[in-house]
mmCIF file of all heavy atoms, coordinates in Angstrom:
data_MODEL
# 
_entry.id   MODEL 
# 
loop_
_atom_site.group_PDB 
_atom_site.id 
_atom_site.type_symbol 
_atom_site.label_atom_id 
_atom_site.label_alt_id 
_atom_site.label_comp_id 
_atom_site.label_asym_id 
_atom_site.label_entity_id 
_atom_site.label_seq_id 
_atom_site.pdbx_PDB_ins_code 
_atom_site.Cartn_x 
_atom_site.Cartn_y 
_atom_site.Cartn_z 
_atom_site.occupancy 
_atom_site.B_iso_or_equiv 
_atom_site.pdbx_formal_charge 
_atom_site.auth_seq_id 
_atom_site.auth_comp_id 
_atom_site.auth_asym_id 
_atom_site.auth_atom_id 
_atom_site.pdbx_PDB_model_num 
ATOM 1   N N   . VAL A 1 1  ? 0.817  -1.158 0.009   1.00 0.00 ? 1  VAL A N   1 
ATOM 2   C CA  . VAL A 1 1  ? 0.035  0.040  0.006   1.00 0.00 ? 1  VAL A CA  1 
ATOM 3   C C   . VAL A 1 1  ? 0.929  1.229  -0.011  1.00 0.00 ? 1  VAL A C   1 
ATOM 4   O O   . VAL A 1 1  ? 0.608  2.231  -0.713  1.00 0.00 ? 1  VAL A O   1 
ATOM 5   C CB  . VAL A 1 1  ? -1.035 -0.035 1.223   1.00 0.00 ? 1  VAL A CB  1 
ATOM 6   C CG1 . VAL A 1 1  ? -1.685 1.383  1.303   1.00 0.00 ? 1  VAL A CG1 1 
ATOM 7   C CG2 . VAL A 1 1  ? -1.996 -1.155 1.083   1.00 0.00 ? 1  VAL A CG2 1 
ATOM 8   N N   . THR A 1 2  ? 1.985  1.253  0.700   1.00 0.00 ? 2  THR A N   1 
ATOM 9   C CA  . THR A 1 2  ? 2.862  2.386  0.848   1.00 0.00 ? 2  THR A CA  1 
ATOM 10  C C   . THR A 1 2  ? 3.488  2.645  -0.555  1.00 0.00 ? 2  THR A C   1 
ATOM 11  O O   . THR A 1 2  ? 3.527  3.823  -1.037  1.00 0.00 ? 2  THR A O   1 
ATOM 12  C CB  . THR A 1 2  ? 4.050  2.115  1.841   1.00 0.00 ? 2  THR A CB  1 
ATOM 13  O OG1 . THR A 1 2  ? 3.417  1.941  3.118   1.00 0.00 ? 2  THR A OG1 1 
ATOM 14  C CG2 . THR A 1 2  ? 5.023  3.270  1.934   1.00 0.00 ? 2  THR A CG2 1 
ATOM 15  N N   . ASP A 1 3  ? 3.960  1.571  -1.183  1.00 0.00 ? 3  ASP A N   1 
ATOM 16  C CA  . ASP A 1 3  ? 4.490  1.837  -2.510  1.00 0.00 ? 3  ASP A CA  1 
ATOM 17  C C   . ASP A 1 3  ? 3.413  2.165  -3.610  1.00 0.00 ? 3  ASP A C   1 
ATOM 18  O O   . ASP A 1 3  ? 3.796  3.143  -4.517  1.00 0.00 ? 3  ASP A O   1 
ATOM 19  C CB  . ASP A 1 3  ? 5.174  0.528  -3.019  1.00 0.00 ? 3  ASP A CB  1 
ATOM 20  C CG  . ASP A 1 3  ? 6.486  0.243  -2.352  1.00 0.00 ? 3  ASP A CG  1 
ATOM 21  O OD1 . ASP A 1 3  ? 7.014  1.185  -1.673  1.00 0.00 ? 3  ASP A OD1 1 
ATOM 22  O OD2 . ASP A 1 3  ? 6.973  -0.868 -2.504  1.00 0.00 ? 3  ASP A OD2 1 
ATOM 23  N N   . LEU A 1 4  ? 2.210  1.848  -3.390  1.00 0.00 ? 4  LEU A N   1 
ATOM 24  C CA  . LEU A 1 4  ? 1.152  2.092  -4.359  1.00 0.00 ? 4  LEU A CA  1 
ATOM 25  C C   . LEU A 1 4  ? 0.876  3.650  -4.204  1.00 0.00 ? 4  LEU A C   1 
ATOM 26  O O   . LEU A 1 4  ? 0.842  4.389  -5.242  1.00 0.00 ? 4  LEU A O   1 
ATOM 27  C CB  . LEU A 1 4  ? -0.081 1.413  -4.074  1.00 0.00 ? 4  LEU A CB  1 
ATOM 28  C CG  . LEU A 1 4  ? -1.314 1.515  -4.960  1.00 0.00 ? 4  LEU A CG  1 
ATOM 29  C CD1 . LEU A 1 4  ? -1.052 1.020  -6.282  1.00 0.00 ? 4  LEU A CD1 1 
ATOM 30  C CD2 . LEU A 1 4  ? -2.451 0.898  -4.330  1.00 0.00 ? 4  LEU A CD2 1 
ATOM 31  N N   . ARG A 1 5  ? 0.801  4.125  -2.917  1.00 0.00 ? 5  ARG A N   1 
ATOM 32  C CA  . ARG A 1 5  ? 0.596  5.512  -2.594  1.00 0.00 ? 5  ARG A CA  1 
ATOM 33  C C   . ARG A 1 5  ? 1.821  6.364  -3.239  1.00 0.00 ? 5  ARG A C   1 
ATOM 34  O O   . ARG A 1 5  ? 1.583  7.463  -3.713  1.00 0.00 ? 5  ARG A O   1 
ATOM 35  C CB  . ARG A 1 5  ? 0.452  5.848  -1.216  1.00 0.00 ? 5  ARG A CB  1 
ATOM 36  C CG  . ARG A 1 5  ? -0.980 5.121  -0.842  1.00 0.00 ? 5  ARG A CG  1 
ATOM 37  C CD  . ARG A 1 5  ? -1.124 5.285  0.765   1.00 0.00 ? 5  ARG A CD  1 
ATOM 38  N NE  . ARG A 1 5  ? -2.382 4.750  1.178   1.00 0.00 ? 5  ARG A NE  1 
ATOM 39  C CZ  . ARG A 1 5  ? -2.663 4.588  2.371   1.00 0.00 ? 5  ARG A CZ  1 
ATOM 40  N NH1 . ARG A 1 5  ? -1.898 5.012  3.373   1.00 0.00 ? 5  ARG A NH1 1 
ATOM 41  N NH2 . ARG A 1 5  ? -3.842 4.123  2.790   1.00 0.00 ? 5  ARG A NH2 1 
ATOM 42  N N   . LYS A 1 6  ? 3.014  5.914  -2.925  1.00 0.00 ? 6  LYS A N   1 
ATOM 43  C CA  . LYS A 1 6  ? 4.172  6.577  -3.474  1.00 0.00 ? 6  LYS A CA  1 
ATOM 44  C C   . LYS A 1 6  ? 4.139  6.761  -4.905  1.00 0.00 ? 6  LYS A C   1 
ATOM 45  O O   . LYS A 1 6  ? 4.625  7.742  -5.498  1.00 0.00 ? 6  LYS A O   1 
ATOM 46  C CB  . LYS A 1 6  ? 5.425  6.110  -2.985  1.00 0.00 ? 6  LYS A CB  1 
ATOM 47  C CG  . LYS A 1 6  ? 5.739  6.181  -1.558  1.00 0.00 ? 6  LYS A CG  1 
ATOM 48  C CD  . LYS A 1 6  ? 7.068  5.514  -1.083  1.00 0.00 ? 6  LYS A CD  1 
ATOM 49  C CE  . LYS A 1 6  ? 7.453  5.652  0.351   1.00 0.00 ? 6  LYS A CE  1 
ATOM 50  N NZ  . LYS A 1 6  ? 8.509  4.900  0.651   1.00 0.00 ? 6  LYS A NZ  1 
ATOM 51  N N   . THR A 1 7  ? 3.744  5.688  -5.574  1.00 0.00 ? 7  THR A N   1 
ATOM 52  C CA  . THR A 1 7  ? 3.616  5.689  -7.096  1.00 0.00 ? 7  THR A CA  1 
ATOM 53  C C   . THR A 1 7  ? 2.743  6.799  -7.602  1.00 0.00 ? 7  THR A C   1 
ATOM 54  O O   . THR A 1 7  ? 3.038  7.525  -8.560  1.00 0.00 ? 7  THR A O   1 
ATOM 55  C CB  . THR A 1 7  ? 3.199  4.252  -7.594  1.00 0.00 ? 7  THR A CB  1 
ATOM 56  O OG1 . THR A 1 7  ? 4.272  3.344  -7.247  1.00 0.00 ? 7  THR A OG1 1 
ATOM 57  C CG2 . THR A 1 7  ? 2.929  4.398  -9.038  1.00 0.00 ? 7  THR A CG2 1 
ATOM 58  N N   . MET A 1 8  ? 1.585  6.918  -6.983  1.00 0.00 ? 8  MET A N   1 
ATOM 59  C CA  . MET A 1 8  ? 0.558  7.986  -7.367  1.00 0.00 ? 8  MET A CA  1 
ATOM 60  C C   . MET A 1 8  ? 1.204  9.284  -7.327  1.00 0.00 ? 8  MET A C   1 
ATOM 61  O O   . MET A 1 8  ? 1.014  10.205 -8.149  1.00 0.00 ? 8  MET A O   1 
ATOM 62  C CB  . MET A 1 8  ? -0.644 7.836  -6.648  1.00 0.00 ? 8  MET A CB  1 
ATOM 63  C CG  . MET A 1 8  ? -1.475 6.502  -7.020  1.00 0.00 ? 8  MET A CG  1 
ATOM 64  S SD  . MET A 1 8  ? -1.914 6.387  -8.679  1.00 0.00 ? 8  MET A SD  1 
ATOM 65  C CE  . MET A 1 8  ? -3.275 7.498  -8.820  1.00 0.00 ? 8  MET A CE  1 
ATOM 66  N N   . VAL A 1 9  ? 1.949  9.567  -6.179  1.00 0.00 ? 9  VAL A N   1 
ATOM 67  C CA  . VAL A 1 9  ? 2.552  10.920 -6.006  1.00 0.00 ? 9  VAL A CA  1 
ATOM 68  C C   . VAL A 1 9  ? 3.691  11.142 -7.106  1.00 0.00 ? 9  VAL A C   1 
ATOM 69  O O   . VAL A 1 9  ? 3.723  12.189 -7.649  1.00 0.00 ? 9  VAL A O   1 
ATOM 70  C CB  . VAL A 1 9  ? 3.186  11.061 -4.586  1.00 0.00 ? 9  VAL A CB  1 
ATOM 71  C CG1 . VAL A 1 9  ? 4.021  12.203 -4.338  1.00 0.00 ? 9  VAL A CG1 1 
ATOM 72  C CG2 . VAL A 1 9  ? 2.080  11.048 -3.596  1.00 0.00 ? 9  VAL A CG2 1 
ATOM 73  N N   . ARG A 1 10 ? 4.398  10.041 -7.330  1.00 0.00 ? 10 ARG A N   1 
ATOM 74  C CA  . ARG A 1 10 ? 5.481  10.092 -8.284  1.00 0.00 ? 10 ARG A CA  1 
ATOM 75  C C   . ARG A 1 10 ? 4.885  10.439 -9.684  1.00 0.00 ? 10 ARG A C   1 
ATOM 76  O O   . ARG A 1 10 ? 5.394  11.202 -10.430 1.00 0.00 ? 10 ARG A O   1 
ATOM 77  C CB  . ARG A 1 10 ? 6.330  8.880  -8.336  1.00 0.00 ? 10 ARG A CB  1 
ATOM 78  C CG  . ARG A 1 10 ? 7.526  8.821  -9.280  1.00 0.00 ? 10 ARG A CG  1 
ATOM 79  C CD  . ARG A 1 10 ? 8.415  7.620  -9.091  1.00 0.00 ? 10 ARG A CD  1 
ATOM 80  N NE  . ARG A 1 10 ? 7.704  6.326  -9.061  1.00 0.00 ? 10 ARG A NE  1 
ATOM 81  C CZ  . ARG A 1 10 ? 7.590  5.502  -8.029  1.00 0.00 ? 10 ARG A CZ  1 
ATOM 82  N NH1 . ARG A 1 10 ? 8.039  5.975  -6.840  1.00 0.00 ? 10 ARG A NH1 1 
ATOM 83  N NH2 . ARG A 1 10 ? 6.997  4.493  -8.124  1.00 0.00 ? 10 ARG A NH2 1 
ATOM 84  N N   . LEU A 1 11 ? 3.750  9.753  -10.025 1.00 0.00 ? 11 LEU A N   1 
ATOM 85  C CA  . LEU A 1 11 ? 3.121  10.011 -11.342 1.00 0.00 ? 11 LEU A CA  1 
ATOM 86  C C   . LEU A 1 11 ? 2.711  11.539 -11.353 1.00 0.00 ? 11 LEU A C   1 
ATOM 87  O O   . LEU A 1 11 ? 2.966  12.246 -12.375 1.00 0.00 ? 11 LEU A O   1 
ATOM 88  C CB  . LEU A 1 11 ? 1.920  9.191  -11.411 1.00 0.00 ? 11 LEU A CB  1 
ATOM 89  C CG  . LEU A 1 11 ? 2.186  7.709  -11.799 1.00 0.00 ? 11 LEU A CG  1 
ATOM 90  C CD1 . LEU A 1 11 ? 1.048  6.777  -11.685 1.00 0.00 ? 11 LEU A CD1 1 
ATOM 91  C CD2 . LEU A 1 11 ? 2.694  7.700  -13.288 1.00 0.00 ? 11 LEU A CD2 1 
ATOM 92  N N   . LYS A 1 12 ? 2.078  12.055 -10.331 1.00 0.00 ? 12 LYS A N   1 
ATOM 93  C CA  . LYS A 1 12 ? 1.588  13.428 -10.201 1.00 0.00 ? 12 LYS A CA  1 
ATOM 94  C C   . LYS A 1 12 ? 2.803  14.255 -10.522 1.00 0.00 ? 12 LYS A C   1 
ATOM 95  O O   . LYS A 1 12 ? 2.566  15.287 -11.155 1.00 0.00 ? 12 LYS A O   1 
ATOM 96  C CB  . LYS A 1 12 ? 0.860  13.717 -8.904  1.00 0.00 ? 12 LYS A CB  1 
ATOM 97  C CG  . LYS A 1 12 ? 0.293  15.106 -8.918  1.00 0.00 ? 12 LYS A CG  1 
ATOM 98  C CD  . LYS A 1 12 ? -0.278 15.336 -7.477  1.00 0.00 ? 12 LYS A CD  1 
ATOM 99  C CE  . LYS A 1 12 ? -0.668 16.705 -7.313  1.00 0.00 ? 12 LYS A CE  1 
ATOM 100 N NZ  . LYS A 1 12 ? -0.888 17.066 -5.929  1.00 0.00 ? 12 LYS A NZ  1 
ATOM 101 N N   . GLU A 1 13 ? 3.859  14.068 -9.891  1.00 0.00 ? 13 GLU A N   1 
ATOM 102 C CA  . GLU A 1 13 ? 5.066  14.887 -9.985  1.00 0.00 ? 13 GLU A CA  1 
ATOM 103 C C   . GLU A 1 13 ? 5.774  14.756 -11.308 1.00 0.00 ? 13 GLU A C   1 
ATOM 104 O O   . GLU A 1 13 ? 6.345  15.835 -11.816 1.00 0.00 ? 13 GLU A O   1 
ATOM 105 C CB  . GLU A 1 13 ? 5.959  14.632 -8.784  1.00 0.00 ? 13 GLU A CB  1 
ATOM 106 C CG  . GLU A 1 13 ? 5.406  15.123 -7.545  1.00 0.00 ? 13 GLU A CG  1 
ATOM 107 C CD  . GLU A 1 13 ? 6.300  14.670 -6.232  1.00 0.00 ? 13 GLU A CD  1 
ATOM 108 O OE1 . GLU A 1 13 ? 7.207  13.975 -6.483  1.00 0.00 ? 13 GLU A OE1 1 
ATOM 109 O OE2 . GLU A 1 13 ? 5.825  15.144 -5.133  1.00 0.00 ? 13 GLU A OE2 1 
ATOM 110 N N   . ASN A 1 14 ? 5.958  13.610 -11.883 1.00 0.00 ? 14 ASN A N   1 
ATOM 111 C CA  . ASN A 1 14 ? 6.826  13.330 -12.957 1.00 0.00 ? 14 ASN A CA  1 
ATOM 112 C C   . ASN A 1 14 ? 6.140  13.286 -14.297 1.00 0.00 ? 14 ASN A C   1 
ATOM 113 O O   . ASN A 1 14 ? 6.802  13.480 -15.310 1.00 0.00 ? 14 ASN A O   1 
ATOM 114 C CB  . ASN A 1 14 ? 7.556  12.059 -12.738 1.00 0.00 ? 14 ASN A CB  1 
ATOM 115 C CG  . ASN A 1 14 ? 8.516  12.052 -11.623 1.00 0.00 ? 14 ASN A CG  1 
ATOM 116 O OD1 . ASN A 1 14 ? 9.027  13.196 -11.269 1.00 0.00 ? 14 ASN A OD1 1 
ATOM 117 N ND2 . ASN A 1 14 ? 8.787  10.968 -11.099 1.00 0.00 ? 14 ASN A ND2 1 
ATOM 118 N N   . LEU A 1 15 ? 4.821  13.077 -14.342 1.00 0.00 ? 15 LEU A N   1 
ATOM 119 C CA  . LEU A 1 15 ? 4.195  13.044 -15.694 1.00 0.00 ? 15 LEU A CA  1 
ATOM 120 C C   . LEU A 1 15 ? 4.277  14.343 -16.509 1.00 0.00 ? 15 LEU A C   1 
ATOM 121 O O   . LEU A 1 15 ? 4.499  14.430 -17.678 1.00 0.00 ? 15 LEU A O   1 
ATOM 122 C CB  . LEU A 1 15 ? 2.780  12.638 -15.612 1.00 0.00 ? 15 LEU A CB  1 
ATOM 123 C CG  . LEU A 1 15 ? 2.566  11.057 -15.403 1.00 0.00 ? 15 LEU A CG  1 
ATOM 124 C CD1 . LEU A 1 15 ? 1.154  10.691 -15.320 1.00 0.00 ? 15 LEU A CD1 1 
ATOM 125 C CD2 . LEU A 1 15 ? 3.260  10.293 -16.435 1.00 0.00 ? 15 LEU A CD2 1 
ATOM 126 N N   . PRO A 1 16 ? 4.125  15.601 -15.752 1.00 0.00 ? 16 PRO A N   1 
ATOM 127 C CA  . PRO A 1 16 ? 4.216  16.800 -16.455 1.00 0.00 ? 16 PRO A CA  1 
ATOM 128 C C   . PRO A 1 16 ? 5.628  16.976 -17.319 1.00 0.00 ? 16 PRO A C   1 
ATOM 129 O O   . PRO A 1 16 ? 5.727  17.540 -18.333 1.00 0.00 ? 16 PRO A O   1 
ATOM 130 C CB  . PRO A 1 16 ? 4.122  17.855 -15.458 1.00 0.00 ? 16 PRO A CB  1 
ATOM 131 C CG  . PRO A 1 16 ? 3.104  17.201 -14.455 1.00 0.00 ? 16 PRO A CG  1 
ATOM 132 C CD  . PRO A 1 16 ? 3.618  15.825 -14.458 1.00 0.00 ? 16 PRO A CD  1 
ATOM 133 N N   . ARG A 1 17 ? 6.732  16.376 -16.499 1.00 0.00 ? 17 ARG A N   1 
ATOM 134 C CA  . ARG A 1 17 ? 7.962  16.520 -17.162 1.00 0.00 ? 17 ARG A CA  1 
ATOM 135 C C   . ARG A 1 17 ? 8.055  15.575 -18.425 1.00 0.00 ? 17 ARG A C   1 
ATOM 136 O O   . ARG A 1 17 ? 9.049  15.734 -19.266 1.00 0.00 ? 17 ARG A O   1 
ATOM 137 C CB  . ARG A 1 17 ? 9.087  16.248 -16.205 1.00 0.00 ? 17 ARG A CB  1 
ATOM 138 C CG  . ARG A 1 17 ? 9.383  17.320 -15.252 1.00 0.00 ? 17 ARG A CG  1 
ATOM 139 C CD  . ARG A 1 17 ? 10.245 16.797 -14.165 1.00 0.00 ? 17 ARG A CD  1 
ATOM 140 N NE  . ARG A 1 17 ? 9.584  16.271 -13.100 1.00 0.00 ? 17 ARG A NE  1 
ATOM 141 C CZ  . ARG A 1 17 ? 10.021 16.242 -11.978 1.00 0.00 ? 17 ARG A CZ  1 
ATOM 142 N NH1 . ARG A 1 17 ? 11.269 16.515 -11.575 1.00 0.00 ? 17 ARG A NH1 1 
ATOM 143 N NH2 . ARG A 1 17 ? 9.332  15.619 -10.940 1.00 0.00 ? 17 ARG A NH2 1 
ATOM 144 N N   . ALA A 1 18 ? 7.183  14.611 -18.457 1.00 0.00 ? 18 ALA A N   1 
ATOM 145 C CA  . ALA A 1 18 ? 7.241  13.588 -19.690 1.00 0.00 ? 18 ALA A CA  1 
ATOM 146 C C   . ALA A 1 18 ? 6.291  13.985 -20.649 1.00 0.00 ? 18 ALA A C   1 
ATOM 147 O O   . ALA A 1 18 ? 5.903  13.132 -21.590 1.00 0.00 ? 18 ALA A O   1 
ATOM 148 C CB  . ALA A 1 18 ? 6.937  12.153 -19.040 1.00 0.00 ? 18 ALA A CB  1 
ATOM 149 N N   . GLY A 1 19 ? 5.686  15.152 -20.648 1.00 0.00 ? 19 GLY A N   1 
ATOM 150 C CA  . GLY A 1 19 ? 4.836  15.613 -21.674 1.00 0.00 ? 19 GLY A CA  1 
ATOM 151 C C   . GLY A 1 19 ? 3.275  15.505 -21.418 1.00 0.00 ? 19 GLY A C   1 
ATOM 152 O O   . GLY A 1 19 ? 2.463  15.649 -22.207 1.00 0.00 ? 19 GLY A O   1 
ATOM 153 N N   . TRP A 1 20 ? 2.936  15.240 -20.123 1.00 0.00 ? 20 TRP A N   1 
ATOM 154 C CA  . TRP A 1 20 ? 1.464  15.069 -19.779 1.00 0.00 ? 20 TRP A CA  1 
ATOM 155 C C   . TRP A 1 20 ? 1.124  16.159 -18.964 1.00 0.00 ? 20 TRP A C   1 
ATOM 156 O O   . TRP A 1 20 ? 1.885  16.779 -18.163 1.00 0.00 ? 20 TRP A O   1 
ATOM 157 C CB  . TRP A 1 20 ? 1.246  13.810 -18.915 1.00 0.00 ? 20 TRP A CB  1 
ATOM 158 C CG  . TRP A 1 20 ? 1.654  12.534 -19.713 1.00 0.00 ? 20 TRP A CG  1 
ATOM 159 C CD1 . TRP A 1 20 ? 2.942  11.954 -19.681 1.00 0.00 ? 20 TRP A CD1 1 
ATOM 160 C CD2 . TRP A 1 20 ? 0.699  11.622 -20.352 1.00 0.00 ? 20 TRP A CD2 1 
ATOM 161 N NE1 . TRP A 1 20 ? 2.808  10.843 -20.496 1.00 0.00 ? 20 TRP A NE1 1 
ATOM 162 C CE2 . TRP A 1 20 ? 1.453  10.532 -20.780 1.00 0.00 ? 20 TRP A CE2 1 
ATOM 163 C CE3 . TRP A 1 20 ? -0.582 11.662 -20.537 1.00 0.00 ? 20 TRP A CE3 1 
ATOM 164 C CZ2 . TRP A 1 20 ? 0.827  9.533  -21.512 1.00 0.00 ? 20 TRP A CZ2 1 
ATOM 165 C CZ3 . TRP A 1 20 ? -1.173 10.690 -21.179 1.00 0.00 ? 20 TRP A CZ3 1 
ATOM 166 C CH2 . TRP A 1 20 ? -0.563 9.629  -21.665 1.00 0.00 ? 20 TRP A CH2 1 
ATOM 167 N N   . ASP A 1 21 ? -0.114 16.654 -19.191 1.00 0.00 ? 21 ASP A N   1 
ATOM 168 C CA  . ASP A 1 21 ? -0.904 17.627 -18.305 1.00 0.00 ? 21 ASP A CA  1 
ATOM 169 C C   . ASP A 1 21 ? -1.868 16.910 -17.392 1.00 0.00 ? 21 ASP A C   1 
ATOM 170 O O   . ASP A 1 21 ? -2.689 16.083 -17.873 1.00 0.00 ? 21 ASP A O   1 
ATOM 171 C CB  . ASP A 1 21 ? -1.574 18.560 -19.229 1.00 0.00 ? 21 ASP A CB  1 
ATOM 172 C CG  . ASP A 1 21 ? -0.804 19.491 -20.129 1.00 0.00 ? 21 ASP A CG  1 
ATOM 173 O OD1 . ASP A 1 21 ? 0.336  19.989 -19.509 1.00 0.00 ? 21 ASP A OD1 1 
ATOM 174 O OD2 . ASP A 1 21 ? -1.037 19.671 -21.210 1.00 0.00 ? 21 ASP A OD2 1 
ATOM 175 N N   . ILE A 1 22 ? -1.752 17.135 -16.198 1.00 0.00 ? 22 ILE A N   1 
ATOM 176 C CA  . ILE A 1 22 ? -2.656 16.518 -15.150 1.00 0.00 ? 22 ILE A CA  1 
ATOM 177 C C   . ILE A 1 22 ? -3.954 17.164 -15.200 1.00 0.00 ? 22 ILE A C   1 
ATOM 178 O O   . ILE A 1 22 ? -4.088 18.382 -14.940 1.00 0.00 ? 22 ILE A O   1 
ATOM 179 C CB  . ILE A 1 22 ? -2.040 16.562 -13.691 1.00 0.00 ? 22 ILE A CB  1 
ATOM 180 C CG1 . ILE A 1 22 ? -0.549 16.087 -13.630 1.00 0.00 ? 22 ILE A CG1 1 
ATOM 181 C CG2 . ILE A 1 22 ? -2.919 15.977 -12.790 1.00 0.00 ? 22 ILE A CG2 1 
ATOM 182 C CD1 . ILE A 1 22 ? -0.493 14.587 -13.958 1.00 0.00 ? 22 ILE A CD1 1 
ATOM 183 N N   . ALA A 1 23 ? -5.034 16.446 -15.567 1.00 0.00 ? 23 ALA A N   1 
ATOM 184 C CA  . ALA A 1 23 ? -6.304 16.987 -15.630 1.00 0.00 ? 23 ALA A CA  1 
ATOM 185 C C   . ALA A 1 23 ? -7.123 16.878 -14.254 1.00 0.00 ? 23 ALA A C   1 
ATOM 186 O O   . ALA A 1 23 ? -7.896 17.812 -13.929 1.00 0.00 ? 23 ALA A O   1 
ATOM 187 C CB  . ALA A 1 23 ? -7.110 16.237 -16.665 1.00 0.00 ? 23 ALA A CB  1 
ATOM 188 N N   . SER A 1 24 ? -6.800 15.819 -13.537 1.00 0.00 ? 24 SER A N   1 
ATOM 189 C CA  . SER A 1 24 ? -7.382 15.676 -12.190 1.00 0.00 ? 24 SER A CA  1 
ATOM 190 C C   . SER A 1 24 ? -6.527 14.720 -11.381 1.00 0.00 ? 24 SER A C   1 
ATOM 191 O O   . SER A 1 24 ? -5.951 13.837 -11.957 1.00 0.00 ? 24 SER A O   1 
ATOM 192 C CB  . SER A 1 24 ? -8.771 15.257 -12.236 1.00 0.00 ? 24 SER A CB  1 
ATOM 193 O OG  . SER A 1 24 ? -8.926 13.885 -12.720 1.00 0.00 ? 24 SER A OG  1 
ATOM 194 N N   . TYR A 1 25 ? -6.520 14.895 -10.046 1.00 0.00 ? 25 TYR A N   1 
ATOM 195 C CA  . TYR A 1 25 ? -5.891 14.118 -9.198  1.00 0.00 ? 25 TYR A CA  1 
ATOM 196 C C   . TYR A 1 25 ? -6.446 14.164 -7.779  1.00 0.00 ? 25 TYR A C   1 
ATOM 197 O O   . TYR A 1 25 ? -6.840 15.140 -7.242  1.00 0.00 ? 25 TYR A O   1 
ATOM 198 C CB  . TYR A 1 25 ? -4.417 14.570 -9.018  1.00 0.00 ? 25 TYR A CB  1 
ATOM 199 C CG  . TYR A 1 25 ? -3.470 13.766 -7.996  1.00 0.00 ? 25 TYR A CG  1 
ATOM 200 C CD1 . TYR A 1 25 ? -2.914 12.534 -8.384  1.00 0.00 ? 25 TYR A CD1 1 
ATOM 201 C CD2 . TYR A 1 25 ? -3.375 14.170 -6.747  1.00 0.00 ? 25 TYR A CD2 1 
ATOM 202 C CE1 . TYR A 1 25 ? -2.191 11.760 -7.526  1.00 0.00 ? 25 TYR A CE1 1 
ATOM 203 C CE2 . TYR A 1 25 ? -2.695 13.354 -5.739  1.00 0.00 ? 25 TYR A CE2 1 
ATOM 204 C CZ  . TYR A 1 25 ? -2.117 12.213 -6.239  1.00 0.00 ? 25 TYR A CZ  1 
ATOM 205 O OH  . TYR A 1 25 ? -1.247 11.354 -5.341  1.00 0.00 ? 25 TYR A OH  1 
ATOM 206 N N   . GLY A 1 26 ? -6.812 12.852 -7.225  1.00 0.00 ? 26 GLY A N   1 
ATOM 207 C CA  . GLY A 1 26 ? -7.506 12.902 -5.913  1.00 0.00 ? 26 GLY A CA  1 
ATOM 208 C C   . GLY A 1 26 ? -8.345 11.716 -5.769  1.00 0.00 ? 26 GLY A C   1 
ATOM 209 O O   . GLY A 1 26 ? -8.411 10.805 -6.630  1.00 0.00 ? 26 GLY A O   1 
# 
């Protein structure tokens, strides 16, 4: 569960640098 939660935070932080715009998170 800890790694799963960390992954979601990592996605939110790193996807914009990879060409993605975050439309929603939560």
